[in-house]
């Protein structure tokens, strides 16, 4: 499951590195081959559509769900809706949960004044450090440049912040471990990795006043400690979990260190085999 404003093309390297594993990729409404919908793409709606898709496709076996970014919220909405019966395990890639939005918005507010006119994939260091093939990268960039993608991106962006209080109202934390003893592999990105690349690109472009740069740099320097703590809270989902950090990646670990995501899938499989 991709995160906010992303298609499954961001998982191309991960899929390539798991050639012998049957994998399903799910592009939400409005992305790639999925049609657009008049219904607002809230996290609740996306979780419902995922549940309906699994039912219609008659995919009944338990799945290892790999979820990046906002998909952490979507997975929790799916668990609230359908329970954990169809979940064999989870791999959470720098994923959001109920309490991540406020620190994240604070960080974006601090660095936002510096970002004008930057091309994000290049500025945040992903273009230079991704592990996609040239063909995979070309497909990703071309897809994200299309009008259909841009329209759905705007629709999802409008629903992002509001999805967190809706999820909090369900008080799923009171039901932890939400997936029991099913294996949960948690991967944290390094927020300062993104931040430092963006800061360097912004300064090179002449963006921001001295004060704006100071505020941004302070936020970048303090970002990892808070993000690491928040990411670690995912471990409460299960009595069986593992936490790792991708220190050579920012938010898009699956693009820059896809092998870590692959390791997560393999760890979940090994845990399932050991307990069977």
C-alpha atoms as a PDB file:
ATOM      1  CA  UNK A   1       0.000   0.000   0.000  1.00  0.00           C
ATOM      2  CA  UNK A   2       1.581   3.312  -1.051  1.00  0.00           C
ATOM      3  CA  UNK A   3       1.417   6.465   1.021  1.00  0.00           C
ATOM      4  CA  UNK A   4      -0.162   9.844   0.406  1.00  0.00           C
ATOM      5  CA  UNK A   5      -0.100  10.988  -3.206  1.00  0.00           C
ATOM      6  CA  UNK A   6       1.756   7.883  -4.381  1.00  0.00           C
ATOM      7  CA  UNK A   7       1.116   5.008  -6.726  1.00  0.00           C
ATOM      8  CA  UNK A   8       2.461   1.489  -6.402  1.00  0.00           C
ATOM      9  CA  UNK A   9       5.300   2.413  -8.766  1.00  0.00           C
ATOM     10  CA  UNK A  10       7.249   3.473  -5.663  1.00  0.00           C
ATOM     11  CA  UNK A  11       7.477  -0.243  -4.781  1.00  0.00           C
ATOM     12  CA  UNK A  12       9.054  -1.303  -8.092  1.00  0.00           C
ATOM     13  CA  UNK A  13      12.464  -2.128  -6.596  1.00  0.00           C
ATOM     14  CA  UNK A  14      10.944  -4.024  -3.668  1.00  0.00           C
ATOM     15  CA  UNK A  15       8.875  -6.182  -6.016  1.00  0.00           C
ATOM     16  CA  UNK A  16      11.886  -6.819  -8.228  1.00  0.00           C
ATOM     17  CA  UNK A  17      13.865  -8.022  -5.200  1.00  0.00           C
ATOM     18  CA  UNK A  18      11.102 -10.480  -4.230  1.00  0.00           C
ATOM     19  CA  UNK A  19      10.736 -12.406  -7.504  1.00  0.00           C
ATOM     20  CA  UNK A  20       9.618 -15.687  -5.949  1.00  0.00           C
ATOM     21  CA  UNK A  21       6.949 -14.212  -3.699  1.00  0.00           C
ATOM     22  CA  UNK A  22       3.406 -13.707  -4.948  1.00  0.00           C
ATOM     23  CA  UNK A  23       2.655 -10.025  -4.480  1.00  0.00           C
ATOM     24  CA  UNK A  24      -0.400  -7.855  -4.973  1.00  0.00           C
ATOM     25  CA  UNK A  25      -0.064  -4.123  -5.572  1.00  0.00           C
ATOM     26  CA  UNK A  26      -3.039  -1.895  -4.901  1.00  0.00           C
ATOM     27  CA  UNK A  27      -3.422   1.457  -6.617  1.00  0.00           C
ATOM     28  CA  UNK A  28      -6.131   3.415  -4.899  1.00  0.00           C
ATOM     29  CA  UNK A  29      -8.939   5.179  -6.704  1.00  0.00           C
ATOM     30  CA  UNK A  30      -7.581   7.728  -9.162  1.00  0.00           C
ATOM     31  CA  UNK A  31      -4.087   6.292  -9.545  1.00  0.00           C
ATOM     32  CA  UNK A  32      -2.725   4.526 -12.611  1.00  0.00           C
ATOM     33  CA  UNK A  33      -5.272   1.987 -13.879  1.00  0.00           C
ATOM     34  CA  UNK A  34      -7.802   2.580 -11.100  1.00  0.00           C
ATOM     35  CA  UNK A  35     -10.729   4.798 -12.109  1.00  0.00           C
ATOM     36  CA  UNK A  36     -11.493   8.045 -10.372  1.00  0.00           C
ATOM     37  CA  UNK A  37     -14.400   8.258  -7.961  1.00  0.00           C
ATOM     38  CA  UNK A  38     -16.790  11.043  -6.932  1.00  0.00           C
ATOM     39  CA  UNK A  39     -16.389   9.901  -3.307  1.00  0.00           C
ATOM     40  CA  UNK A  40     -13.810  11.790  -1.246  1.00  0.00           C
ATOM     41  CA  UNK A  41     -10.677   9.656  -0.683  1.00  0.00           C
ATOM     42  CA  UNK A  42     -10.736   9.607   3.105  1.00  0.00           C
ATOM     43  CA  UNK A  43      -8.739   6.941   4.936  1.00  0.00           C
ATOM     44  CA  UNK A  44     -12.016   5.299   5.965  1.00  0.00           C
ATOM     45  CA  UNK A  45     -13.211   5.170   2.359  1.00  0.00           C
ATOM     46  CA  UNK A  46      -9.898   3.781   1.118  1.00  0.00           C
ATOM     47  CA  UNK A  47      -9.973   1.058   3.793  1.00  0.00           C
ATOM     48  CA  UNK A  48     -13.530   0.153   2.786  1.00  0.00           C
ATOM     49  CA  UNK A  49     -12.556  -0.010  -0.893  1.00  0.00           C
ATOM     50  CA  UNK A  50      -9.608  -2.258  -0.015  1.00  0.00           C
ATOM     51  CA  UNK A  51     -11.886  -4.570   1.941  1.00  0.00           C
ATOM     52  CA  UNK A  52     -14.356  -4.703  -0.939  1.00  0.00           C
ATOM     53  CA  UNK A  53     -11.572  -5.380  -3.434  1.00  0.00           C
ATOM     54  CA  UNK A  54     -10.266  -8.340  -1.438  1.00  0.00           C
ATOM     55  CA  UNK A  55     -13.794  -9.721  -1.238  1.00  0.00           C
ATOM     56  CA  UNK A  56     -14.579  -9.258  -4.937  1.00  0.00           C
ATOM     57  CA  UNK A  57     -11.212 -10.684  -5.980  1.00  0.00           C
ATOM     58  CA  UNK A  58     -11.804 -13.630  -3.635  1.00  0.00           C
ATOM     59  CA  UNK A  59      -8.439 -13.147  -1.963  1.00  0.00           C
ATOM     60  CA  UNK A  60      -9.184 -14.919   1.284  1.00  0.00           C
ATOM     61  CA  UNK A  61      -5.759 -16.015   2.495  1.00  0.00           C
ATOM     62  CA  UNK A  62      -4.052 -13.897   5.181  1.00  0.00           C
ATOM     63  CA  UNK A  63      -1.754 -11.255   3.714  1.00  0.00           C
ATOM     64  CA  UNK A  64       1.479  -9.580   4.717  1.00  0.00           C
ATOM     65  CA  UNK A  65       0.561  -5.932   4.259  1.00  0.00           C
ATOM     66  CA  UNK A  66       3.373  -3.506   3.430  1.00  0.00           C
ATOM     67  CA  UNK A  67       2.272   0.048   4.196  1.00  0.00           C
ATOM     68  CA  UNK A  68       4.162   3.303   3.686  1.00  0.00           C
ATOM     69  CA  UNK A  69       3.468   6.715   5.204  1.00  0.00           C
ATOM     70  CA  UNK A  70      -0.286   7.541   5.248  1.00  0.00           C
ATOM     71  CA  UNK A  71      -1.007   3.885   4.557  1.00  0.00           C
ATOM     72  CA  UNK A  72      -0.238   3.348   8.241  1.00  0.00           C
ATOM     73  CA  UNK A  73      -3.487   5.178   8.961  1.00  0.00           C
ATOM     74  CA  UNK A  74      -5.284   3.285   6.200  1.00  0.00           C
ATOM     75  CA  UNK A  75      -4.144  -0.064   7.636  1.00  0.00           C
ATOM     76  CA  UNK A  76      -5.515   0.903  11.046  1.00  0.00           C
ATOM     77  CA  UNK A  77      -8.827   1.878   9.460  1.00  0.00           C
ATOM     78  CA  UNK A  78      -8.823  -1.488   7.679  1.00  0.00           C
ATOM     79  CA  UNK A  79      -8.224  -3.270  10.989  1.00  0.00           C
ATOM     80  CA  UNK A  80     -11.002  -1.243  12.620  1.00  0.00           C
ATOM     81  CA  UNK A  81     -13.364  -2.196   9.800  1.00  0.00           C
ATOM     82  CA  UNK A  82     -12.442  -5.807   9.106  1.00  0.00           C
ATOM     83  CA  UNK A  83     -10.412  -7.032  12.055  1.00  0.00           C
ATOM     84  CA  UNK A  84      -7.068  -8.799  11.808  1.00  0.00           C
ATOM     85  CA  UNK A  85      -8.276 -12.113  10.399  1.00  0.00           C
ATOM     86  CA  UNK A  86      -6.967 -11.409   6.903  1.00  0.00           C
ATOM     87  CA  UNK A  87      -3.658  -9.991   8.132  1.00  0.00           C
ATOM     88  CA  UNK A  88      -0.755 -12.420   8.452  1.00  0.00           C
ATOM     89  CA  UNK A  89       1.705  -9.699   9.387  1.00  0.00           C
ATOM     90  CA  UNK A  90       2.665  -6.094   8.757  1.00  0.00           C
ATOM     91  CA  UNK A  91       5.669  -4.253   7.360  1.00  0.00           C
ATOM     92  CA  UNK A  92       5.299  -0.567   8.215  1.00  0.00           C
ATOM     93  CA  UNK A  93       7.575   1.763   6.265  1.00  0.00           C
ATOM     94  CA  UNK A  94       8.032   5.142   7.987  1.00  0.00           C
ATOM     95  CA  UNK A  95       4.308   4.913   8.542  1.00  0.00           C
ATOM     96  CA  UNK A  96       1.851   7.317  10.150  1.00  0.00           C
ATOM     97  CA  UNK A  97      -0.403   6.540  13.091  1.00  0.00           C
ATOM     98  CA  UNK A  98      -2.836   8.413  15.331  1.00  0.00           C
ATOM     99  CA  UNK A  99      -0.358  10.889  16.845  1.00  0.00           C
ATOM    100  CA  UNK A 100       2.156  11.553  14.070  1.00  0.00           C
ATOM    101  CA  UNK A 101       0.372  14.393  12.316  1.00  0.00           C
ATOM    102  CA  UNK A 102       1.011  17.275  14.728  1.00  0.00           C
ATOM    103  CA  UNK A 103       4.821  16.882  14.852  1.00  0.00           C
ATOM    104  CA  UNK A 104       4.846  16.307  11.100  1.00  0.00           C
ATOM    105  CA  UNK A 105       2.866  19.465  10.361  1.00  0.00           C
ATOM    106  CA  UNK A 106       5.139  21.424  12.720  1.00  0.00           C
ATOM    107  CA  UNK A 107       8.167  20.178  10.790  1.00  0.00           C
ATOM    108  CA  UNK A 108       6.616  21.043   7.428  1.00  0.00           C
ATOM    109  CA  UNK A 109       5.712  24.506   8.701  1.00  0.00           C
ATOM    110  CA  UNK A 110       9.317  25.110   9.737  1.00  0.00           C
ATOM    111  CA  UNK A 111      10.882  24.069   6.448  1.00  0.00           C
ATOM    112  CA  UNK A 112       8.039  25.136   4.144  1.00  0.00           C
ATOM    113  CA  UNK A 113       9.262  28.711   3.495  1.00  0.00           C
ATOM    114  CA  UNK A 114      12.431  27.293   1.925  1.00  0.00           C
ATOM    115  CA  UNK A 115      10.792  24.918  -0.540  1.00  0.00           C
ATOM    116  CA  UNK A 116       9.462  27.269  -3.209  1.00  0.00           C
ATOM    117  CA  UNK A 117      10.405  26.277  -6.743  1.00  0.00           C
ATOM    118  CA  UNK A 118      12.189  23.062  -5.789  1.00  0.00           C
ATOM    119  CA  UNK A 119      11.701  19.819  -7.701  1.00  0.00           C
ATOM    120  CA  UNK A 120      11.006  17.498  -4.806  1.00  0.00           C
ATOM    121  CA  UNK A 121      12.537  14.203  -5.970  1.00  0.00           C
ATOM    122  CA  UNK A 122      15.790  15.947  -6.849  1.00  0.00           C
ATOM    123  CA  UNK A 123      15.850  18.316  -3.878  1.00  0.00           C
ATOM    124  CA  UNK A 124      15.245  15.664  -1.235  1.00  0.00           C
ATOM    125  CA  UNK A 125      18.015  13.461  -2.625  1.00  0.00           C
ATOM    126  CA  UNK A 126      15.852  10.656  -3.955  1.00  0.00           C
ATOM    127  CA  UNK A 127      16.617  11.233  -7.628  1.00  0.00           C
ATOM    128  CA  UNK A 128      20.335  10.756  -6.977  1.00  0.00           C
ATOM    129  CA  UNK A 129      19.999   7.864  -4.528  1.00  0.00           C
ATOM    130  CA  UNK A 130      17.056   5.721  -5.629  1.00  0.00           C
ATOM    131  CA  UNK A 131      17.543   2.047  -6.498  1.00  0.00           C
ATOM    132  CA  UNK A 132      15.053   1.851  -9.360  1.00  0.00           C
ATOM    133  CA  UNK A 133      16.136   0.857 -12.840  1.00  0.00           C
ATOM    134  CA  UNK A 134      16.108   3.683 -15.413  1.00  0.00           C
ATOM    135  CA  UNK A 135      12.889   2.241 -16.821  1.00  0.00           C
ATOM    136  CA  UNK A 136      11.240   2.047 -13.389  1.00  0.00           C
ATOM    137  CA  UNK A 137      12.250   5.613 -12.545  1.00  0.00           C
ATOM    138  CA  UNK A 138      11.007   6.911 -15.903  1.00  0.00           C
ATOM    139  CA  UNK A 139       7.634   5.223 -15.350  1.00  0.00           C
ATOM    140  CA  UNK A 140       7.316   6.758 -11.874  1.00  0.00           C
ATOM    141  CA  UNK A 141       8.192  10.289 -12.965  1.00  0.00           C
ATOM    142  CA  UNK A 142       5.980  10.175 -16.048  1.00  0.00           C
ATOM    143  CA  UNK A 143       3.039   8.847 -14.059  1.00  0.00           C
ATOM    144  CA  UNK A 144       3.363  11.572 -11.429  1.00  0.00           C
ATOM    145  CA  UNK A 145       3.513  14.206 -14.154  1.00  0.00           C
ATOM    146  CA  UNK A 146       0.147  13.176 -15.572  1.00  0.00           C
ATOM    147  CA  UNK A 147      -3.067  15.122 -15.064  1.00  0.00           C
ATOM    148  CA  UNK A 148      -4.906  12.148 -13.561  1.00  0.00           C
ATOM    149  CA  UNK A 149      -2.236  11.707 -10.893  1.00  0.00           C
ATOM    150  CA  UNK A 150      -2.113  15.410 -10.082  1.00  0.00           C
ATOM    151  CA  UNK A 151      -5.887  15.606  -9.698  1.00  0.00           C
ATOM    152  CA  UNK A 152      -5.992  12.666  -7.283  1.00  0.00           C
ATOM    153  CA  UNK A 153      -2.968  14.017  -5.418  1.00  0.00           C
ATOM    154  CA  UNK A 154      -4.890  17.212  -4.642  1.00  0.00           C
ATOM    155  CA  UNK A 155      -7.939  15.247  -3.516  1.00  0.00           C
ATOM    156  CA  UNK A 156      -5.909  13.099  -1.136  1.00  0.00           C
ATOM    157  CA  UNK A 157      -3.943  16.050   0.221  1.00  0.00           C
ATOM    158  CA  UNK A 158      -7.249  17.639   1.206  1.00  0.00           C
ATOM    159  CA  UNK A 159      -8.180  14.579   3.296  1.00  0.00           C
ATOM    160  CA  UNK A 160      -4.826  13.944   4.957  1.00  0.00           C
ATOM    161  CA  UNK A 161      -4.888  15.983   8.165  1.00  0.00           C
ATOM    162  CA  UNK A 162      -8.540  15.220   8.857  1.00  0.00           C
ATOM    163  CA  UNK A 163      -7.933  11.478   8.783  1.00  0.00           C
ATOM    164  CA  UNK A 164      -5.992  11.525  12.063  1.00  0.00           C
ATOM    165  CA  UNK A 165      -8.698  12.792  14.443  1.00  0.00           C
ATOM    166  CA  UNK A 166     -11.182  10.431  12.772  1.00  0.00           C
ATOM    167  CA  UNK A 167      -8.848   7.527  13.521  1.00  0.00           C
ATOM    168  CA  UNK A 168      -8.184   8.716  17.077  1.00  0.00           C
ATOM    169  CA  UNK A 169     -11.912   8.694  17.801  1.00  0.00           C
ATOM    170  CA  UNK A 170     -11.897   4.919  17.313  1.00  0.00           C
ATOM    171  CA  UNK A 171      -9.486   4.544  20.274  1.00  0.00           C
ATOM    172  CA  UNK A 172      -7.788   1.551  18.708  1.00  0.00           C
ATOM    173  CA  UNK A 173      -4.878   1.970  21.090  1.00  0.00           C
ATOM    174  CA  UNK A 174      -7.106   0.704  23.882  1.00  0.00           C
ATOM    175  CA  UNK A 175      -7.386  -2.584  21.973  1.00  0.00           C
ATOM    176  CA  UNK A 176      -3.650  -3.139  21.537  1.00  0.00           C
ATOM    177  CA  UNK A 177      -2.073  -5.441  20.673  1.00  0.00           C
ATOM    178  CA  UNK A 178      -4.446  -4.909  17.765  1.00  0.00           C
ATOM    179  CA  UNK A 179      -3.065  -7.793  15.704  1.00  0.00           C
ATOM    180  CA  UNK A 180      -2.260 -10.045  18.654  1.00  0.00           C
ATOM    181  CA  UNK A 181       0.999 -11.904  18.168  1.00  0.00           C
ATOM    182  CA  UNK A 182       1.180 -11.508  14.402  1.00  0.00           C
ATOM    183  CA  UNK A 183       4.631 -10.293  13.325  1.00  0.00           C
ATOM    184  CA  UNK A 184       5.033  -6.558  12.779  1.00  0.00           C
ATOM    185  CA  UNK A 185       8.246  -5.215  11.236  1.00  0.00           C
ATOM    186  CA  UNK A 186       8.607  -1.469  11.718  1.00  0.00           C
ATOM    187  CA  UNK A 187      10.965   0.603   9.570  1.00  0.00           C
ATOM    188  CA  UNK A 188      11.761   4.198  10.426  1.00  0.00           C
ATOM    189  CA  UNK A 189      13.132   6.592   7.851  1.00  0.00           C
ATOM    190  CA  UNK A 190      15.527   9.378   8.814  1.00  0.00           C
ATOM    191  CA  UNK A 191      13.652  12.665   8.641  1.00  0.00           C
ATOM    192  CA  UNK A 192      16.828  14.736   8.792  1.00  0.00           C
ATOM    193  CA  UNK A 193      18.076  12.926   5.664  1.00  0.00           C
ATOM    194  CA  UNK A 194      15.249  14.498   3.694  1.00  0.00           C
ATOM    195  CA  UNK A 195      15.567  17.763   5.596  1.00  0.00           C
ATOM    196  CA  UNK A 196      19.281  18.250   5.013  1.00  0.00           C
ATOM    197  CA  UNK A 197      18.968  17.534   1.308  1.00  0.00           C
ATOM    198  CA  UNK A 198      16.070  19.977   1.029  1.00  0.00           C
ATOM    199  CA  UNK A 199      17.931  22.619   3.030  1.00  0.00           C
ATOM    200  CA  UNK A 200      21.003  22.345   0.815  1.00  0.00           C
ATOM    201  CA  UNK A 201      18.915  22.618  -2.354  1.00  0.00           C
ATOM    202  CA  UNK A 202      16.967  25.577  -0.957  1.00  0.00           C
ATOM    203  CA  UNK A 203      20.082  27.513   0.030  1.00  0.00           C
ATOM    204  CA  UNK A 204      21.654  26.818  -3.366  1.00  0.00           C
ATOM    205  CA  UNK A 205      18.545  28.320  -4.965  1.00  0.00           C
ATOM    206  CA  UNK A 206      18.672  31.335  -2.656  1.00  0.00           C
ATOM    207  CA  UNK A 207      15.422  30.499  -0.888  1.00  0.00           C
ATOM    208  CA  UNK A 208      14.533  31.811   2.556  1.00  0.00           C
ATOM    209  CA  UNK A 209      15.663  34.609   4.817  1.00  0.00           C
ATOM    210  CA  UNK A 210      18.385  34.032   7.394  1.00  0.00           C
ATOM    211  CA  UNK A 211      15.720  33.664  10.072  1.00  0.00           C
ATOM    212  CA  UNK A 212      13.695  31.208   7.992  1.00  0.00           C
ATOM    213  CA  UNK A 213      16.825  29.167   7.385  1.00  0.00           C
ATOM    214  CA  UNK A 214      17.658  29.173  11.094  1.00  0.00           C
ATOM    215  CA  UNK A 215      14.172  27.960  12.027  1.00  0.00           C
ATOM    216  CA  UNK A 216      14.301  25.271   9.351  1.00  0.00           C
ATOM    217  CA  UNK A 217      17.728  24.024  10.420  1.00  0.00           C
ATOM    218  CA  UNK A 218      16.707  23.785  14.066  1.00  0.00           C
ATOM    219  CA  UNK A 219      13.684  21.715  13.053  1.00  0.00           C
ATOM    220  CA  UNK A 220      15.837  19.441  10.900  1.00  0.00           C
ATOM    221  CA  UNK A 221      18.386  18.877  13.662  1.00  0.00           C
ATOM    222  CA  UNK A 222      15.687  17.894  16.150  1.00  0.00           C
ATOM    223  CA  UNK A 223      13.540  15.846  13.797  1.00  0.00           C
ATOM    224  CA  UNK A 224      15.036  12.382  14.183  1.00  0.00           C
ATOM    225  CA  UNK A 225      14.669  12.013  17.932  1.00  0.00           C
ATOM    226  CA  UNK A 226      10.957  12.769  17.755  1.00  0.00           C
ATOM    227  CA  UNK A 227      10.339  10.742  14.610  1.00  0.00           C
ATOM    228  CA  UNK A 228      12.183   7.719  16.013  1.00  0.00           C
ATOM    229  CA  UNK A 229      10.009   7.805  19.122  1.00  0.00           C
ATOM    230  CA  UNK A 230       6.797   8.054  17.116  1.00  0.00           C
ATOM    231  CA  UNK A 231       7.804   5.251  14.755  1.00  0.00           C
ATOM    232  CA  UNK A 232       8.567   3.008  17.715  1.00  0.00           C
ATOM    233  CA  UNK A 233       4.969   3.298  18.890  1.00  0.00           C
ATOM    234  CA  UNK A 234       3.923   0.974  16.059  1.00  0.00           C
ATOM    235  CA  UNK A 235       5.357  -1.899  18.098  1.00  0.00           C
ATOM    236  CA  UNK A 236       2.310  -1.680  20.359  1.00  0.00           C
ATOM    237  CA  UNK A 237       0.264  -3.270  17.574  1.00  0.00           C
ATOM    238  CA  UNK A 238       1.649  -6.720  18.359  1.00  0.00           C
ATOM    239  CA  UNK A 239       3.407  -8.761  20.999  1.00  0.00           C
ATOM    240  CA  UNK A 240       5.876  -9.789  18.294  1.00  0.00           C
ATOM    241  CA  UNK A 241       7.676  -6.959  16.560  1.00  0.00           C
ATOM    242  CA  UNK A 242      11.000  -5.674  15.324  1.00  0.00           C
ATOM    243  CA  UNK A 243      12.132  -2.065  14.869  1.00  0.00           C
ATOM    244  CA  UNK A 244      14.850  -0.964  12.449  1.00  0.00           C
ATOM    245  CA  UNK A 245      15.919   2.407  11.102  1.00  0.00           C
ATOM    246  CA  UNK A 246      17.022   3.251   7.579  1.00  0.00           C
ATOM    247  CA  UNK A 247      19.784   5.781   8.224  1.00  0.00           C
ATOM    248  CA  UNK A 248      20.665   6.263   4.556  1.00  0.00           C
ATOM    249  CA  UNK A 249      17.096   7.176   3.614  1.00  0.00           C
ATOM    250  CA  UNK A 250      14.499   9.776   4.275  1.00  0.00           C
ATOM    251  CA  UNK A 251      10.779   9.086   4.091  1.00  0.00           C
ATOM    252  CA  UNK A 252      10.844   6.969   0.911  1.00  0.00           C
ATOM    253  CA  UNK A 253      12.839   4.016   2.201  1.00  0.00           C
ATOM    254  CA  UNK A 254      11.380   1.735  -0.469  1.00  0.00           C
ATOM    255  CA  UNK A 255      13.052   3.866  -3.148  1.00  0.00           C
ATOM    256  CA  UNK A 256      16.481   4.423  -1.605  1.00  0.00           C
ATOM    257  CA  UNK A 257      16.961   1.291   0.536  1.00  0.00           C
ATOM    258  CA  UNK A 258      14.436  -1.219  -0.830  1.00  0.00           C
ATOM    259  CA  UNK A 259      16.484  -4.077   0.597  1.00  0.00           C
ATOM    260  CA  UNK A 260      15.381  -3.031   4.094  1.00  0.00           C
ATOM    261  CA  UNK A 261      11.728  -3.430   3.104  1.00  0.00           C
ATOM    262  CA  UNK A 262      12.570  -6.796   1.557  1.00  0.00           C
ATOM    263  CA  UNK A 263      14.279  -7.796   4.807  1.00  0.00           C
ATOM    264  CA  UNK A 264      11.069  -6.876   6.604  1.00  0.00           C
ATOM    265  CA  UNK A 265       8.932  -9.106   4.412  1.00  0.00           C
ATOM    266  CA  UNK A 266      11.386 -11.985   4.839  1.00  0.00           C
ATOM    267  CA  UNK A 267      11.470 -11.495   8.619  1.00  0.00           C
ATOM    268  CA  UNK A 268       7.678 -11.687   8.795  1.00  0.00           C
ATOM    269  CA  UNK A 269       7.709 -14.847   6.666  1.00  0.00           C
ATOM    270  CA  UNK A 270      10.367 -16.427   8.886  1.00  0.00           C
ATOM    271  CA  UNK A 271       8.376 -15.566  12.012  1.00  0.00           C
ATOM    272  CA  UNK A 272       5.246 -17.089  10.516  1.00  0.00           C
ATOM    273  CA  UNK A 273       7.109 -20.275   9.574  1.00  0.00           C
ATOM    274  CA  UNK A 274       8.637 -20.524  13.041  1.00  0.00           C
ATOM    275  CA  UNK A 275       5.234 -20.352  14.699  1.00  0.00           C
ATOM    276  CA  UNK A 276       3.401 -22.700  12.332  1.00  0.00           C
END
